N, C-alpha and C. Protein backbone atom coordinates (compact mmCIF):
# COMPACT_ATOMS: atom_id res chain seq x y z
N MET A 1 0.81 -1.18 0.00
CA MET A 1 0.00 0.00 0.00
C MET A 1 0.86 1.25 0.00
N ALA A 2 2.09 1.14 0.49
CA ALA A 2 2.98 2.28 0.42
C ALA A 2 3.27 2.56 -1.04
N GLY A 3 3.32 3.85 -1.38
CA GLY A 3 3.62 4.22 -2.75
C GLY A 3 2.40 4.38 -3.62
N VAL A 4 1.20 4.29 -3.08
CA VAL A 4 -0.01 4.49 -3.86
C VAL A 4 -0.36 5.95 -3.83
N SER A 5 -0.47 6.59 -4.99
CA SER A 5 -0.84 8.00 -5.03
C SER A 5 -2.34 8.15 -5.12
N ARG A 6 -2.82 9.38 -4.99
CA ARG A 6 -4.25 9.60 -5.05
C ARG A 6 -4.68 10.08 -6.42
N SER A 7 -3.85 9.94 -7.44
CA SER A 7 -4.26 10.34 -8.77
C SER A 7 -4.52 9.10 -9.61
N SER A 8 -3.63 8.81 -10.58
CA SER A 8 -3.88 7.66 -11.44
C SER A 8 -3.80 6.35 -10.67
N SER A 9 -2.91 6.26 -9.66
CA SER A 9 -2.79 5.02 -8.91
C SER A 9 -4.07 4.71 -8.15
N THR A 10 -4.73 5.74 -7.63
CA THR A 10 -6.00 5.53 -6.94
C THR A 10 -7.03 4.97 -7.90
N ALA A 11 -7.07 5.52 -9.11
CA ALA A 11 -8.01 5.01 -10.11
C ALA A 11 -7.70 3.56 -10.43
N ASP A 12 -6.42 3.20 -10.48
CA ASP A 12 -6.03 1.82 -10.75
C ASP A 12 -6.52 0.89 -9.64
N VAL A 13 -6.39 1.34 -8.37
CA VAL A 13 -6.84 0.53 -7.24
C VAL A 13 -8.34 0.32 -7.30
N VAL A 14 -9.09 1.40 -7.57
CA VAL A 14 -10.54 1.30 -7.66
C VAL A 14 -10.94 0.38 -8.81
N ALA A 15 -10.25 0.50 -9.94
CA ALA A 15 -10.56 -0.36 -11.07
C ALA A 15 -10.30 -1.82 -10.73
N PHE A 16 -9.23 -2.07 -9.99
CA PHE A 16 -8.91 -3.44 -9.58
C PHE A 16 -10.01 -4.00 -8.68
N MET A 17 -10.47 -3.17 -7.72
CA MET A 17 -11.54 -3.62 -6.83
C MET A 17 -12.80 -3.97 -7.62
N TYR A 18 -13.09 -3.15 -8.62
CA TYR A 18 -14.28 -3.41 -9.43
C TYR A 18 -14.12 -4.71 -10.21
N ALA A 19 -12.93 -4.92 -10.78
CA ALA A 19 -12.69 -6.12 -11.58
C ALA A 19 -12.78 -7.39 -10.74
N SER A 20 -12.43 -7.28 -9.46
CA SER A 20 -12.46 -8.46 -8.60
C SER A 20 -13.88 -8.85 -8.21
N GLY A 21 -14.85 -7.95 -8.46
CA GLY A 21 -16.24 -8.25 -8.18
C GLY A 21 -16.60 -8.24 -6.71
N THR A 22 -15.79 -7.59 -5.86
CA THR A 22 -16.06 -7.61 -4.42
C THR A 22 -16.82 -6.39 -3.94
N LEU A 23 -16.91 -5.34 -4.74
CA LEU A 23 -17.59 -4.13 -4.31
C LEU A 23 -18.62 -3.68 -5.33
N THR A 24 -19.66 -3.01 -4.86
CA THR A 24 -20.68 -2.49 -5.76
C THR A 24 -20.20 -1.19 -6.40
N ASP A 25 -20.88 -0.79 -7.46
CA ASP A 25 -20.53 0.47 -8.14
C ASP A 25 -20.64 1.66 -7.20
N ASP A 26 -21.69 1.70 -6.38
CA ASP A 26 -21.90 2.82 -5.46
C ASP A 26 -20.79 2.91 -4.43
N THR A 27 -20.40 1.75 -3.87
CA THR A 27 -19.34 1.75 -2.87
C THR A 27 -18.01 2.17 -3.48
N ILE A 28 -17.73 1.68 -4.66
CA ILE A 28 -16.48 2.05 -5.35
C ILE A 28 -16.44 3.54 -5.60
N GLN A 29 -17.55 4.11 -6.07
CA GLN A 29 -17.60 5.54 -6.33
C GLN A 29 -17.39 6.34 -5.05
N SER A 30 -17.99 5.89 -3.96
CA SER A 30 -17.84 6.59 -2.67
C SER A 30 -16.39 6.56 -2.20
N ILE A 31 -15.76 5.38 -2.27
CA ILE A 31 -14.36 5.26 -1.86
C ILE A 31 -13.47 6.12 -2.73
N TYR A 32 -13.72 6.09 -4.03
CA TYR A 32 -12.92 6.89 -4.96
C TYR A 32 -13.03 8.37 -4.63
N GLU A 33 -14.24 8.86 -4.37
CA GLU A 33 -14.45 10.27 -4.07
C GLU A 33 -13.76 10.67 -2.78
N VAL A 34 -13.83 9.80 -1.76
CA VAL A 34 -13.17 10.10 -0.49
C VAL A 34 -11.66 10.23 -0.70
N TRP A 35 -11.06 9.29 -1.43
CA TRP A 35 -9.61 9.33 -1.65
C TRP A 35 -9.21 10.55 -2.46
N VAL A 36 -9.93 10.84 -3.52
CA VAL A 36 -9.57 11.96 -4.39
C VAL A 36 -9.74 13.28 -3.65
N ASN A 37 -10.79 13.39 -2.82
CA ASN A 37 -11.06 14.64 -2.13
C ASN A 37 -10.15 14.87 -0.93
N MET A 38 -9.41 13.85 -0.49
CA MET A 38 -8.54 14.02 0.66
C MET A 38 -7.53 15.15 0.42
N ASP A 39 -6.97 15.22 -0.78
CA ASP A 39 -5.98 16.25 -1.07
C ASP A 39 -6.63 17.61 -1.28
N ALA A 40 -7.95 17.62 -1.59
CA ALA A 40 -8.63 18.87 -1.88
C ALA A 40 -9.15 19.55 -0.63
N GLU A 41 -9.13 18.84 0.52
CA GLU A 41 -9.68 19.46 1.73
C GLU A 41 -8.80 20.62 2.16
N ASN A 42 -9.46 21.65 2.73
CA ASN A 42 -8.69 22.82 3.14
C ASN A 42 -8.02 22.56 4.48
N SER A 43 -7.16 23.49 4.85
CA SER A 43 -6.38 23.31 6.08
C SER A 43 -6.93 24.16 7.22
N SER A 44 -8.22 24.48 7.17
CA SER A 44 -8.80 25.30 8.23
C SER A 44 -8.97 24.46 9.49
N ASP A 45 -9.20 25.14 10.60
CA ASP A 45 -9.38 24.47 11.88
C ASP A 45 -10.86 24.30 12.22
N SER A 46 -11.70 24.25 11.20
CA SER A 46 -13.13 24.11 11.44
C SER A 46 -13.44 22.68 11.88
N ASP A 47 -14.71 22.44 12.21
CA ASP A 47 -15.14 21.12 12.63
C ASP A 47 -15.05 20.14 11.46
N LEU A 48 -15.64 18.96 11.61
CA LEU A 48 -15.55 17.93 10.59
C LEU A 48 -15.90 18.45 9.20
N SER A 49 -15.00 18.20 8.24
CA SER A 49 -15.27 18.58 6.86
C SER A 49 -16.18 17.55 6.22
N GLU A 50 -16.68 17.88 5.04
CA GLU A 50 -17.54 16.93 4.32
C GLU A 50 -16.77 15.66 3.99
N VAL A 51 -15.47 15.80 3.68
CA VAL A 51 -14.64 14.64 3.37
C VAL A 51 -14.54 13.72 4.58
N GLU A 52 -14.32 14.31 5.76
CA GLU A 52 -14.22 13.49 6.98
C GLU A 52 -15.56 12.84 7.31
N LYS A 53 -16.66 13.55 7.07
CA LYS A 53 -17.98 12.97 7.30
C LYS A 53 -18.22 11.79 6.37
N ASP A 54 -17.79 11.94 5.10
CA ASP A 54 -17.92 10.83 4.14
C ASP A 54 -17.09 9.63 4.60
N LEU A 55 -15.89 9.92 5.11
CA LEU A 55 -15.02 8.85 5.58
C LEU A 55 -15.66 8.12 6.77
N LEU A 56 -16.23 8.88 7.71
CA LEU A 56 -16.88 8.27 8.87
C LEU A 56 -18.08 7.43 8.45
N ALA A 57 -18.73 7.81 7.36
CA ALA A 57 -19.91 7.06 6.90
C ALA A 57 -19.54 5.65 6.47
N HIS A 58 -18.25 5.41 6.15
CA HIS A 58 -17.80 4.08 5.71
C HIS A 58 -17.19 3.26 6.85
N ILE A 59 -17.17 3.82 8.06
CA ILE A 59 -16.60 3.13 9.20
C ILE A 59 -17.69 2.30 9.87
N GLY A 60 -17.36 1.06 10.21
CA GLY A 60 -18.33 0.16 10.83
C GLY A 60 -18.70 0.59 12.24
N LEU A 61 -19.86 0.14 12.68
CA LEU A 61 -20.33 0.44 14.02
C LEU A 61 -20.25 -0.81 14.90
N LEU A 62 -20.09 -0.59 16.18
CA LEU A 62 -20.12 -1.66 17.15
C LEU A 62 -21.57 -2.04 17.44
N PRO A 63 -21.81 -3.18 18.11
CA PRO A 63 -23.19 -3.56 18.44
C PRO A 63 -23.96 -2.50 19.22
N ASN A 64 -23.25 -1.66 20.00
CA ASN A 64 -23.93 -0.61 20.77
C ASN A 64 -24.18 0.65 19.94
N GLY A 65 -23.85 0.60 18.64
CA GLY A 65 -24.12 1.74 17.76
C GLY A 65 -23.01 2.77 17.69
N ARG A 66 -21.94 2.58 18.44
CA ARG A 66 -20.84 3.54 18.43
C ARG A 66 -19.85 3.20 17.32
N VAL A 67 -19.08 4.21 16.92
CA VAL A 67 -18.07 4.03 15.87
C VAL A 67 -17.01 3.04 16.34
N ASN A 68 -16.65 2.09 15.47
CA ASN A 68 -15.62 1.11 15.77
C ASN A 68 -14.24 1.79 15.66
N LEU A 69 -13.60 2.07 16.80
CA LEU A 69 -12.32 2.77 16.78
C LEU A 69 -11.23 1.96 16.10
N ARG A 70 -11.30 0.63 16.19
CA ARG A 70 -10.30 -0.20 15.50
C ARG A 70 -10.42 -0.02 13.99
N HIS A 71 -11.66 0.03 13.49
CA HIS A 71 -11.89 0.25 12.06
C HIS A 71 -11.38 1.64 11.66
N LEU A 72 -11.65 2.64 12.50
CA LEU A 72 -11.19 3.99 12.21
C LEU A 72 -9.66 4.07 12.22
N ALA A 73 -9.02 3.33 13.13
CA ALA A 73 -7.55 3.30 13.18
C ALA A 73 -7.00 2.65 11.90
N ALA A 74 -7.63 1.56 11.45
CA ALA A 74 -7.20 0.92 10.20
C ALA A 74 -7.38 1.87 9.02
N SER A 75 -8.46 2.65 9.02
CA SER A 75 -8.68 3.63 7.96
C SER A 75 -7.59 4.69 7.96
N MET A 76 -7.17 5.12 9.16
CA MET A 76 -6.09 6.10 9.27
C MET A 76 -4.79 5.53 8.69
N ILE A 77 -4.51 4.27 9.01
CA ILE A 77 -3.30 3.63 8.50
C ILE A 77 -3.34 3.59 6.97
N VAL A 78 -4.50 3.22 6.41
CA VAL A 78 -4.63 3.16 4.94
C VAL A 78 -4.35 4.52 4.34
N ASN A 79 -4.95 5.58 4.90
CA ASN A 79 -4.79 6.92 4.34
C ASN A 79 -3.36 7.44 4.45
N ILE A 80 -2.69 7.15 5.58
CA ILE A 80 -1.31 7.61 5.74
C ILE A 80 -0.38 6.84 4.80
N ARG A 81 -0.59 5.51 4.72
CA ARG A 81 0.29 4.71 3.87
C ARG A 81 0.06 4.98 2.39
N ALA A 82 -1.06 5.61 2.05
CA ALA A 82 -1.33 5.94 0.65
C ALA A 82 -0.52 7.14 0.17
N VAL A 83 0.12 7.87 1.09
CA VAL A 83 0.96 9.00 0.72
C VAL A 83 2.30 8.46 0.24
N PRO A 84 2.68 8.73 -1.02
CA PRO A 84 3.90 8.13 -1.57
C PRO A 84 5.16 8.41 -0.76
N ALA A 85 5.27 9.59 -0.17
CA ALA A 85 6.50 9.96 0.54
C ALA A 85 6.54 9.44 1.97
N MET A 86 5.46 8.82 2.45
CA MET A 86 5.40 8.38 3.84
C MET A 86 6.08 7.02 4.01
N THR A 87 7.05 6.97 4.91
CA THR A 87 7.76 5.72 5.20
C THR A 87 7.02 4.96 6.30
N ARG A 88 7.40 3.71 6.50
CA ARG A 88 6.79 2.93 7.57
C ARG A 88 7.10 3.53 8.94
N VAL A 89 8.31 4.09 9.08
CA VAL A 89 8.67 4.74 10.34
C VAL A 89 7.77 5.95 10.57
N GLY A 90 7.52 6.71 9.51
CA GLY A 90 6.63 7.86 9.62
C GLY A 90 5.22 7.45 10.01
N VAL A 91 4.74 6.35 9.44
CA VAL A 91 3.40 5.84 9.79
C VAL A 91 3.35 5.48 11.27
N ARG A 92 4.37 4.77 11.75
CA ARG A 92 4.38 4.36 13.17
C ARG A 92 4.45 5.57 14.09
N ARG A 93 5.23 6.60 13.70
CA ARG A 93 5.32 7.80 14.54
C ARG A 93 3.97 8.51 14.61
N ALA A 94 3.28 8.60 13.48
CA ALA A 94 1.95 9.22 13.47
C ALA A 94 0.98 8.42 14.33
N MET A 95 1.08 7.09 14.26
CA MET A 95 0.20 6.24 15.07
C MET A 95 0.49 6.42 16.55
N ARG A 96 1.78 6.44 16.93
CA ARG A 96 2.13 6.56 18.35
C ARG A 96 1.71 7.93 18.88
N ALA A 97 1.87 8.98 18.06
CA ALA A 97 1.44 10.32 18.50
C ALA A 97 -0.08 10.36 18.67
N SER A 98 -0.82 9.73 17.76
CA SER A 98 -2.28 9.69 17.87
C SER A 98 -2.71 8.87 19.08
N ASP A 99 -2.01 7.77 19.33
CA ASP A 99 -2.31 6.92 20.46
C ASP A 99 -2.09 7.67 21.77
N LEU A 100 -0.98 8.42 21.86
CA LEU A 100 -0.68 9.21 23.05
C LEU A 100 -1.72 10.30 23.24
N LEU A 101 -2.09 10.97 22.15
CA LEU A 101 -3.10 12.03 22.22
C LEU A 101 -4.43 11.48 22.76
N LEU A 102 -4.81 10.30 22.27
CA LEU A 102 -6.06 9.68 22.72
C LEU A 102 -5.97 9.30 24.20
N GLN A 103 -4.81 8.76 24.63
CA GLN A 103 -4.65 8.38 26.04
C GLN A 103 -4.74 9.59 26.96
N VAL A 104 -4.08 10.70 26.57
CA VAL A 104 -4.10 11.91 27.40
C VAL A 104 -5.51 12.48 27.45
N ASN A 105 -6.19 12.50 26.30
CA ASN A 105 -7.57 13.00 26.26
C ASN A 105 -8.48 12.14 27.15
N ASN A 106 -8.34 10.82 27.05
CA ASN A 106 -9.15 9.92 27.87
C ASN A 106 -8.85 10.11 29.36
N SER A 107 -7.58 10.34 29.70
CA SER A 107 -7.19 10.53 31.09
C SER A 107 -7.82 11.80 31.65
N ASN A 108 -7.82 12.87 30.83
CA ASN A 108 -8.44 14.12 31.28
C ASN A 108 -9.94 13.96 31.46
N LEU A 109 -10.59 13.27 30.50
CA LEU A 109 -12.03 13.03 30.62
C LEU A 109 -12.34 12.17 31.84
N LYS A 110 -11.50 11.18 32.09
CA LYS A 110 -11.69 10.31 33.25
C LYS A 110 -11.62 11.12 34.54
N ASP A 111 -10.64 12.04 34.64
CA ASP A 111 -10.51 12.87 35.83
C ASP A 111 -11.74 13.76 36.02
N ASP A 112 -12.25 14.32 34.90
CA ASP A 112 -13.44 15.18 34.99
C ASP A 112 -14.65 14.39 35.46
N VAL A 113 -14.82 13.19 34.91
CA VAL A 113 -15.96 12.35 35.29
C VAL A 113 -15.82 11.92 36.75
N ALA A 114 -14.60 11.54 37.15
CA ALA A 114 -14.37 11.12 38.53
C ALA A 114 -14.65 12.27 39.51
N THR A 115 -14.26 13.49 39.14
CA THR A 115 -14.53 14.65 39.98
C THR A 115 -16.03 14.87 40.15
N TYR A 116 -16.75 14.73 39.04
CA TYR A 116 -18.21 14.89 39.12
C TYR A 116 -18.84 13.79 39.98
N LEU A 117 -18.42 12.55 39.75
CA LEU A 117 -18.99 11.44 40.53
C LEU A 117 -18.71 11.61 42.02
N ALA A 118 -17.51 12.12 42.34
CA ALA A 118 -17.18 12.35 43.75
C ALA A 118 -18.07 13.45 44.34
N SER A 119 -18.39 14.47 43.51
CA SER A 119 -19.20 15.59 44.01
C SER A 119 -20.64 15.18 44.31
N VAL A 120 -21.10 14.10 43.68
CA VAL A 120 -22.47 13.62 43.93
C VAL A 120 -22.46 12.32 44.74
N ASN A 121 -21.32 12.05 45.37
CA ASN A 121 -21.16 10.87 46.25
C ASN A 121 -21.45 9.54 45.55
N LEU A 122 -21.02 9.41 44.30
CA LEU A 122 -21.22 8.15 43.57
C LEU A 122 -19.90 7.48 43.19
N LEU A 123 -18.77 8.11 43.52
CA LEU A 123 -17.47 7.60 43.08
C LEU A 123 -17.18 6.20 43.59
N GLY A 124 -17.66 5.86 44.76
CA GLY A 124 -17.36 4.56 45.34
C GLY A 124 -18.25 3.42 44.87
N THR A 125 -19.21 3.70 44.02
CA THR A 125 -20.12 2.64 43.57
C THR A 125 -19.46 1.77 42.50
N ALA A 126 -19.96 0.55 42.39
CA ALA A 126 -19.40 -0.38 41.40
C ALA A 126 -19.64 0.12 39.98
N GLN A 127 -20.82 0.74 39.75
CA GLN A 127 -21.13 1.25 38.41
C GLN A 127 -20.17 2.38 38.02
N ALA A 128 -19.84 3.24 38.99
CA ALA A 128 -18.92 4.34 38.71
C ALA A 128 -17.53 3.82 38.38
N GLN A 129 -17.06 2.84 39.12
CA GLN A 129 -15.74 2.27 38.86
C GLN A 129 -15.69 1.57 37.51
N GLN A 130 -16.80 0.90 37.15
CA GLN A 130 -16.88 0.25 35.84
C GLN A 130 -16.83 1.29 34.72
N LEU A 131 -17.53 2.41 34.92
CA LEU A 131 -17.51 3.49 33.94
C LEU A 131 -16.11 4.06 33.78
N LEU A 132 -15.42 4.29 34.88
CA LEU A 132 -14.07 4.89 34.82
C LEU A 132 -13.08 3.95 34.14
N ARG A 133 -13.27 2.64 34.30
CA ARG A 133 -12.36 1.68 33.65
C ARG A 133 -12.46 1.75 32.13
N LYS A 134 -13.61 2.17 31.62
CA LYS A 134 -13.78 2.24 30.17
C LYS A 134 -12.87 3.28 29.53
N PHE A 135 -12.47 4.29 30.30
CA PHE A 135 -11.57 5.31 29.76
C PHE A 135 -10.17 4.74 29.49
N ASP A 136 -9.83 3.65 30.16
CA ASP A 136 -8.51 3.03 29.98
C ASP A 136 -8.51 1.97 28.88
N ALA A 137 -9.70 1.63 28.39
CA ALA A 137 -9.80 0.51 27.45
C ALA A 137 -9.62 0.91 25.99
N ASP A 138 -9.77 2.19 25.67
CA ASP A 138 -9.69 2.62 24.27
C ASP A 138 -8.25 2.74 23.80
N ARG A 139 -7.75 1.71 23.17
CA ARG A 139 -6.41 1.73 22.57
C ARG A 139 -6.54 1.16 21.16
N PRO A 140 -7.12 1.93 20.22
CA PRO A 140 -7.43 1.39 18.89
C PRO A 140 -6.21 0.96 18.08
N PHE A 141 -5.03 1.52 18.38
CA PHE A 141 -3.83 1.17 17.62
C PHE A 141 -3.07 -0.01 18.23
N LYS A 142 -3.54 -0.51 19.36
CA LYS A 142 -2.84 -1.60 20.03
C LYS A 142 -2.77 -2.81 19.10
N GLY A 143 -1.56 -3.35 18.92
CA GLY A 143 -1.38 -4.51 18.05
C GLY A 143 -1.37 -4.18 16.58
N MET A 144 -1.16 -2.89 16.21
CA MET A 144 -1.14 -2.51 14.80
C MET A 144 0.15 -1.81 14.39
N PHE A 145 1.19 -1.89 15.21
CA PHE A 145 2.38 -1.10 14.91
C PHE A 145 3.33 -1.77 13.93
N SER A 146 3.33 -3.07 13.83
CA SER A 146 4.21 -3.73 12.86
C SER A 146 3.56 -3.72 11.48
N ASN A 147 4.37 -3.87 10.45
CA ASN A 147 3.84 -3.89 9.08
C ASN A 147 2.85 -5.04 8.90
N GLU A 148 3.17 -6.21 9.44
CA GLU A 148 2.30 -7.38 9.29
C GLU A 148 0.95 -7.15 9.98
N SER A 149 0.96 -6.56 11.18
CA SER A 149 -0.30 -6.35 11.90
C SER A 149 -1.13 -5.26 11.24
N GLN A 150 -0.47 -4.27 10.61
CA GLN A 150 -1.21 -3.25 9.87
C GLN A 150 -1.94 -3.87 8.68
N LEU A 151 -1.24 -4.73 7.95
CA LEU A 151 -1.86 -5.39 6.81
C LEU A 151 -3.00 -6.31 7.26
N SER A 152 -2.83 -6.96 8.41
CA SER A 152 -3.90 -7.81 8.93
C SER A 152 -5.14 -6.98 9.25
N ALA A 153 -4.94 -5.78 9.81
CA ALA A 153 -6.06 -4.90 10.13
C ALA A 153 -6.76 -4.44 8.85
N VAL A 154 -5.97 -4.12 7.83
CA VAL A 154 -6.54 -3.68 6.56
C VAL A 154 -7.35 -4.82 5.94
N LYS A 155 -6.83 -6.05 6.00
CA LYS A 155 -7.55 -7.20 5.46
C LYS A 155 -8.86 -7.44 6.20
N LYS A 156 -8.87 -7.14 7.51
CA LYS A 156 -10.07 -7.38 8.31
C LYS A 156 -11.20 -6.42 7.95
N PHE A 157 -10.84 -5.16 7.70
CA PHE A 157 -11.88 -4.15 7.50
C PHE A 157 -12.10 -3.75 6.05
N TYR A 158 -11.19 -4.09 5.15
CA TYR A 158 -11.29 -3.68 3.75
C TYR A 158 -10.96 -4.84 2.84
N PHE A 159 -11.33 -4.68 1.57
CA PHE A 159 -10.86 -5.64 0.56
C PHE A 159 -9.39 -5.35 0.31
N TYR A 160 -8.56 -6.36 0.46
CA TYR A 160 -7.12 -6.19 0.26
C TYR A 160 -6.61 -7.29 -0.64
N PRO A 161 -6.06 -6.93 -1.80
CA PRO A 161 -5.53 -7.97 -2.69
C PRO A 161 -4.23 -8.55 -2.14
N GLN A 162 -4.28 -9.81 -1.77
CA GLN A 162 -3.11 -10.47 -1.19
C GLN A 162 -2.08 -10.74 -2.26
N LYS A 163 -0.86 -10.28 -2.05
CA LYS A 163 0.19 -10.50 -3.03
C LYS A 163 0.75 -11.91 -2.89
N GLU A 164 1.23 -12.44 -3.99
CA GLU A 164 1.87 -13.75 -3.99
C GLU A 164 3.28 -13.60 -4.56
N THR A 165 4.22 -14.29 -3.95
CA THR A 165 5.61 -14.22 -4.39
C THR A 165 5.96 -15.46 -5.18
N VAL A 166 6.58 -15.26 -6.34
CA VAL A 166 6.96 -16.37 -7.22
C VAL A 166 8.48 -16.38 -7.37
N TYR A 167 9.06 -17.52 -7.10
CA TYR A 167 10.51 -17.68 -7.26
C TYR A 167 10.85 -17.85 -8.73
N LEU A 168 11.88 -17.14 -9.19
CA LEU A 168 12.32 -17.25 -10.59
C LEU A 168 13.60 -18.08 -10.70
N TRP A 169 14.68 -17.59 -10.15
CA TRP A 169 15.96 -18.29 -10.20
C TRP A 169 16.90 -17.66 -9.18
N ASP A 170 18.06 -18.28 -9.00
CA ASP A 170 19.10 -17.71 -8.15
C ASP A 170 20.14 -17.02 -9.02
N ARG A 171 20.51 -15.81 -8.61
CA ARG A 171 21.64 -15.15 -9.28
C ARG A 171 22.81 -15.18 -8.30
N MET A 172 24.00 -15.17 -8.83
CA MET A 172 25.19 -15.21 -7.99
C MET A 172 25.63 -13.79 -7.65
N ASP A 173 25.90 -13.58 -6.39
CA ASP A 173 26.32 -12.27 -5.93
C ASP A 173 27.61 -12.42 -5.14
N GLN A 174 28.44 -11.37 -5.16
CA GLN A 174 29.70 -11.42 -4.42
C GLN A 174 29.50 -10.82 -3.04
N ARG A 175 29.98 -11.52 -2.03
CA ARG A 175 29.91 -11.04 -0.65
C ARG A 175 31.32 -11.02 -0.07
N LEU A 176 31.59 -9.99 0.73
CA LEU A 176 32.89 -9.87 1.37
C LEU A 176 33.01 -10.92 2.46
N ASP A 177 34.08 -11.69 2.42
CA ASP A 177 34.32 -12.74 3.41
C ASP A 177 35.69 -12.48 4.02
N GLY A 178 35.70 -11.92 5.22
CA GLY A 178 36.98 -11.53 5.81
C GLY A 178 37.32 -10.11 5.41
N ASP A 179 38.65 -9.81 5.41
CA ASP A 179 39.08 -8.44 5.12
C ASP A 179 39.18 -8.14 3.64
N ASP A 180 39.60 -9.12 2.84
CA ASP A 180 39.85 -8.81 1.43
C ASP A 180 39.42 -9.92 0.47
N ALA A 181 38.70 -10.89 0.95
CA ALA A 181 38.29 -12.01 0.08
C ALA A 181 36.79 -11.92 -0.20
N TYR A 182 36.43 -12.20 -1.46
CA TYR A 182 35.03 -12.22 -1.86
C TYR A 182 34.63 -13.64 -2.22
N ILE A 183 33.42 -14.02 -1.85
CA ILE A 183 32.91 -15.34 -2.23
C ILE A 183 31.59 -15.16 -2.97
N GLN A 184 31.27 -16.16 -3.81
CA GLN A 184 30.02 -16.14 -4.56
C GLN A 184 28.90 -16.75 -3.72
N ARG A 185 27.77 -16.04 -3.61
CA ARG A 185 26.62 -16.54 -2.87
C ARG A 185 25.38 -16.43 -3.74
N PRO A 186 24.50 -17.44 -3.71
CA PRO A 186 23.26 -17.34 -4.50
C PRO A 186 22.25 -16.41 -3.83
N VAL A 187 21.60 -15.56 -4.63
CA VAL A 187 20.56 -14.66 -4.15
C VAL A 187 19.30 -14.92 -4.98
N PRO A 188 18.16 -15.25 -4.34
CA PRO A 188 16.97 -15.57 -5.12
C PRO A 188 16.37 -14.35 -5.81
N ASN A 189 15.98 -14.52 -7.06
CA ASN A 189 15.22 -13.50 -7.80
C ASN A 189 13.75 -13.90 -7.76
N THR A 190 12.89 -12.97 -7.33
CA THR A 190 11.46 -13.25 -7.25
C THR A 190 10.68 -12.08 -7.83
N TYR A 191 9.38 -12.30 -8.07
CA TYR A 191 8.49 -11.20 -8.38
C TYR A 191 7.19 -11.42 -7.62
N GLU A 192 6.43 -10.33 -7.42
CA GLU A 192 5.18 -10.41 -6.69
C GLU A 192 4.03 -9.98 -7.59
N TYR A 193 2.88 -10.61 -7.41
CA TYR A 193 1.69 -10.24 -8.18
C TYR A 193 0.45 -10.45 -7.34
N CYS A 194 -0.65 -9.84 -7.75
CA CYS A 194 -1.93 -10.00 -7.09
C CYS A 194 -2.87 -10.73 -8.05
N ARG A 195 -3.48 -11.81 -7.55
CA ARG A 195 -4.42 -12.58 -8.35
C ARG A 195 -5.75 -11.84 -8.44
N VAL A 196 -6.26 -11.65 -9.64
CA VAL A 196 -7.55 -10.99 -9.85
C VAL A 196 -8.58 -12.07 -10.14
N GLY A 197 -9.55 -12.22 -9.22
CA GLY A 197 -10.56 -13.27 -9.38
C GLY A 197 -11.52 -12.99 -10.50
N GLY A 198 -11.91 -14.04 -11.19
CA GLY A 198 -12.94 -13.94 -12.22
C GLY A 198 -12.47 -13.42 -13.56
N LEU A 199 -11.15 -13.24 -13.73
CA LEU A 199 -10.66 -12.70 -15.00
C LEU A 199 -9.77 -13.70 -15.74
N GLY A 200 -9.79 -14.93 -15.35
CA GLY A 200 -8.91 -15.83 -16.08
C GLY A 200 -9.25 -17.28 -15.88
């Protein structure tokens, strides 16, 4: 997913999804519009933009009707990794900063709620303690920091074309052995491709 741009490469991804027969025309159009409009959004500090609202409309809900934060975290990973200049280290730093921001925000909210509960003499109740524990449970990026776990999250929430590696042959390469001696070592040559269902 790294190295995918939001211009012609985005159109290629959408076309691939359509060819695989896994998404409807309406869903494909919605995803395409969200990706294309991401670069067009302004940099104002206003509330949710129309682009962000469209993005939230594609995020799954939990059984209690709330937004699935794990799905939203996977969506963030997809959008960051779609920037061609973004490295995996940059993605992880953005994730860790977002995770820290969420933890600090939750901690502040927890303190405010605890202060209120104490003021109405409810802090010691089991229900109050259960409520306060929920502020510590929201860690949507937990288990998503490695490249493999990020791809697993993307596969869980989105259609993801699984790449396959094909071995071609071994080429001989020279490796330094000691201070001044070189030896020949075989290095495998491979290529990767994505299987498109229903086209062959």
